[in-house]
Amino acid sequence: MIRIASTVEEAERLLMTEVFDLAIVDLSLTGRVGREGLDLISRIKRRTPETQVVLLTGYGSPEIEREARQRGAVEYWEKTIPITTLIERLRALGLPVRQEGSSNGCAAFNGG
């Protein structure tokens, strides 16, 4: 099942009630060029160390990637990631993903 949180507060509420196999966290959850996602990675890893965390950003840099990984992110993805690469990386994390249609089509997560 996929859950979506648009704010840090929503994410924290979900984290209090559920355990996730994977969390894809945006660096800037406020819509501004913020770094709330890095703090959220730390909170996720403290609460459920087994959750795999990916940082997704449109404002990337080697320094942000390094900090994300130090906080426990297993992957760092730029928002320009092609869907086929996204699918390959999700599969590499052990998630069952199937692709529908062309390489520009949608991806579906078959989780439970």
C-alpha atoms as a PDB file:
ATOM      1  CA  MET A   1       0.000   0.000   0.000  1.00  0.00           C
ATOM      2  CA  ILE A   2       1.220   3.494  -0.799  1.00  0.00           C
ATOM      3  CA  ARG A   3       0.686   6.425   1.554  1.00  0.00           C
ATOM      4  CA  ILE A   4       1.318  10.065   0.636  1.00  0.00           C
ATOM      5  CA  ALA A   5       2.104  12.900   3.027  1.00  0.00           C
ATOM      6  CA  SER A   6       2.323  16.481   1.797  1.00  0.00           C
ATOM      7  CA  THR A   7       3.765  17.958   4.973  1.00  0.00           C
ATOM      8  CA  VAL A   8       6.197  16.952   7.693  1.00  0.00           C
ATOM      9  CA  GLU A   9       3.283  16.809  10.122  1.00  0.00           C
ATOM     10  CA  GLU A  10       1.340  14.404   7.913  1.00  0.00           C
ATOM     11  CA  ALA A  11       4.431  12.242   7.508  1.00  0.00           C
ATOM     12  CA  GLU A  12       4.989  12.142  11.261  1.00  0.00           C
ATOM     13  CA  ARG A  13       1.366  11.100  11.859  1.00  0.00           C
ATOM     14  CA  LEU A  14       1.791   8.224   9.394  1.00  0.00           C
ATOM     15  CA  LEU A  15       5.069   7.204  11.019  1.00  0.00           C
ATOM     16  CA  MET A  16       3.383   7.009  14.415  1.00  0.00           C
ATOM     17  CA  THR A  17       0.806   4.493  13.211  1.00  0.00           C
ATOM     18  CA  GLU A  18       2.482   2.469  10.455  1.00  0.00           C
ATOM     19  CA  VAL A  19       5.766   0.825   9.517  1.00  0.00           C
ATOM     20  CA  PHE A  20       6.933   1.209   5.931  1.00  0.00           C
ATOM     21  CA  ASP A  21       9.257  -0.863   3.767  1.00  0.00           C
ATOM     22  CA  LEU A  22      10.233   2.240   1.811  1.00  0.00           C
ATOM     23  CA  ALA A  23       9.896   5.987   2.310  1.00  0.00           C
ATOM     24  CA  ILE A  24      10.584   8.339  -0.588  1.00  0.00           C
ATOM     25  CA  VAL A  25      11.222  11.726   0.991  1.00  0.00           C
ATOM     26  CA  ASP A  26      11.374  15.068  -0.816  1.00  0.00           C
ATOM     27  CA  LEU A  27      14.190  17.329   0.337  1.00  0.00           C
ATOM     28  CA  SER A  28      11.886  20.350   0.399  1.00  0.00           C
ATOM     29  CA  LEU A  29       8.502  19.437   1.846  1.00  0.00           C
ATOM     30  CA  THR A  30       7.365  23.043   2.178  1.00  0.00           C
ATOM     31  CA  GLY A  31       7.639  23.843  -1.526  1.00  0.00           C
ATOM     32  CA  ARG A  32      10.442  26.287  -0.812  1.00  0.00           C
ATOM     33  CA  VAL A  33      14.098  25.385  -1.029  1.00  0.00           C
ATOM     34  CA  GLY A  34      14.141  23.873   2.441  1.00  0.00           C
ATOM     35  CA  ARG A  35      15.833  20.860   3.966  1.00  0.00           C
ATOM     36  CA  GLU A  36      12.985  19.340   5.970  1.00  0.00           C
ATOM     37  CA  GLY A  37      13.447  16.050   4.154  1.00  0.00           C
ATOM     38  CA  LEU A  38      16.853  15.533   5.748  1.00  0.00           C
ATOM     39  CA  ASP A  39      15.360  15.884   9.232  1.00  0.00           C
ATOM     40  CA  LEU A  40      12.554  13.511   8.255  1.00  0.00           C
ATOM     41  CA  ILE A  41      15.104  10.886   7.160  1.00  0.00           C
ATOM     42  CA  SER A  42      16.643  11.027  10.642  1.00  0.00           C
ATOM     43  CA  ARG A  43      13.226  10.676  12.310  1.00  0.00           C
ATOM     44  CA  ILE A  44      12.275   7.720  10.123  1.00  0.00           C
ATOM     45  CA  LYS A  45      15.538   5.891  10.798  1.00  0.00           C
ATOM     46  CA  ARG A  46      15.287   6.516  14.568  1.00  0.00           C
ATOM     47  CA  ARG A  47      11.738   5.148  14.709  1.00  0.00           C
ATOM     48  CA  THR A  48      12.079   2.258  12.236  1.00  0.00           C
ATOM     49  CA  PRO A  49      15.691   1.556  11.280  1.00  0.00           C
ATOM     50  CA  GLU A  50      14.574  -1.197   8.892  1.00  0.00           C
ATOM     51  CA  THR A  51      12.686   1.260   6.654  1.00  0.00           C
ATOM     52  CA  GLN A  52      14.618   2.000   3.487  1.00  0.00           C
ATOM     53  CA  VAL A  53      14.662   5.730   2.775  1.00  0.00           C
ATOM     54  CA  VAL A  54      15.249   7.472  -0.544  1.00  0.00           C
ATOM     55  CA  LEU A  55      15.805  11.227  -0.800  1.00  0.00           C
ATOM     56  CA  LEU A  56      14.178  12.751  -3.889  1.00  0.00           C
ATOM     57  CA  THR A  57      15.106  16.290  -4.872  1.00  0.00           C
ATOM     58  CA  GLY A  58      15.151  18.855  -7.611  1.00  0.00           C
ATOM     59  CA  TYR A  59      17.809  20.842  -5.724  1.00  0.00           C
ATOM     60  CA  GLY A  60      20.567  18.274  -5.525  1.00  0.00           C
ATOM     61  CA  SER A  61      24.223  18.634  -4.752  1.00  0.00           C
ATOM     62  CA  PRO A  62      26.999  16.288  -3.639  1.00  0.00           C
ATOM     63  CA  GLU A  63      26.769  17.804  -0.155  1.00  0.00           C
ATOM     64  CA  ILE A  64      23.035  17.095   0.124  1.00  0.00           C
ATOM     65  CA  GLU A  65      23.560  13.532  -1.097  1.00  0.00           C
ATOM     66  CA  ARG A  66      26.352  12.981   1.427  1.00  0.00           C
ATOM     67  CA  GLU A  67      24.224  14.308   4.288  1.00  0.00           C
ATOM     68  CA  ALA A  68      21.214  12.231   3.237  1.00  0.00           C
ATOM     69  CA  ARG A  69      23.326   9.082   3.231  1.00  0.00           C
ATOM     70  CA  GLN A  70      24.870   9.974   6.612  1.00  0.00           C
ATOM     71  CA  ARG A  71      21.347  10.257   8.009  1.00  0.00           C
ATOM     72  CA  GLY A  72      20.437   6.823   6.648  1.00  0.00           C
ATOM     73  CA  ALA A  73      19.163   7.251   3.085  1.00  0.00           C
ATOM     74  CA  VAL A  74      19.942   4.224   0.917  1.00  0.00           C
ATOM     75  CA  GLU A  75      19.405   6.132  -2.331  1.00  0.00           C
ATOM     76  CA  TYR A  76      19.474   9.696  -3.619  1.00  0.00           C
ATOM     77  CA  TRP A  77      17.388  10.492  -6.699  1.00  0.00           C
ATOM     78  CA  GLU A  78      17.082  13.648  -8.764  1.00  0.00           C
ATOM     79  CA  LYS A  79      13.518  14.506  -9.814  1.00  0.00           C
ATOM     80  CA  THR A  80      14.575  14.180 -13.438  1.00  0.00           C
ATOM     81  CA  ILE A  81      15.048  10.418 -13.008  1.00  0.00           C
ATOM     82  CA  PRO A  82      13.623   8.525 -16.009  1.00  0.00           C
ATOM     83  CA  ILE A  83      10.780   6.114 -15.169  1.00  0.00           C
ATOM     84  CA  THR A  84      12.778   3.115 -16.399  1.00  0.00           C
ATOM     85  CA  THR A  85      15.651   4.015 -14.056  1.00  0.00           C
ATOM     86  CA  LEU A  86      13.193   4.555 -11.212  1.00  0.00           C
ATOM     87  CA  ILE A  87      11.751   1.084 -11.768  1.00  0.00           C
ATOM     88  CA  GLU A  88      15.225  -0.485 -11.879  1.00  0.00           C
ATOM     89  CA  ARG A  89      16.210   1.236  -8.624  1.00  0.00           C
ATOM     90  CA  LEU A  90      12.998   0.215  -6.870  1.00  0.00           C
ATOM     91  CA  ARG A  91      13.573  -3.388  -7.940  1.00  0.00           C
ATOM     92  CA  ALA A  92      17.178  -3.161  -6.699  1.00  0.00           C
ATOM     93  CA  LEU A  93      15.731  -2.220  -3.295  1.00  0.00           C
ATOM     94  CA  GLY A  94      13.736  -5.448  -3.374  1.00  0.00           C
ATOM     95  CA  LEU A  95      10.342  -3.931  -4.169  1.00  0.00           C
ATOM     96  CA  PRO A  96       7.989  -5.723  -6.568  1.00  0.00           C
ATOM     97  CA  VAL A  97       7.299  -3.268  -9.384  1.00  0.00           C
ATOM     98  CA  ARG A  98       5.732  -3.859 -12.761  1.00  0.00           C
ATOM     99  CA  GLN A  99       5.687  -1.453 -15.663  1.00  0.00           C
ATOM    100  CA  GLU A 100       2.626  -0.744 -17.791  1.00  0.00           C
ATOM    101  CA  GLY A 101       2.866   0.556 -21.352  1.00  0.00           C
ATOM    102  CA  SER A 102       5.840   2.371 -22.854  1.00  0.00           C
ATOM    103  CA  SER A 103       9.012   3.538 -21.141  1.00  0.00           C
ATOM    104  CA  ASN A 104       7.182   6.799 -20.419  1.00  0.00           C
ATOM    105  CA  GLY A 105       4.241   4.917 -18.897  1.00  0.00           C
ATOM    106  CA  CYS A 106       3.335   4.420 -15.300  1.00  0.00           C
ATOM    107  CA  ALA A 107       4.853   2.164 -12.691  1.00  0.00           C
ATOM    108  CA  ALA A 108       2.806   0.215 -10.182  1.00  0.00           C
ATOM    109  CA  PHE A 109       3.998  -0.961  -6.780  1.00  0.00           C
ATOM    110  CA  ASN A 110       2.694  -4.402  -5.867  1.00  0.00           C
ATOM    111  CA  GLY A 111       3.280  -4.142  -2.143  1.00  0.00           C
ATOM    112  CA  GLY A 112       1.085  -5.285   0.698  1.00  0.00           C
END
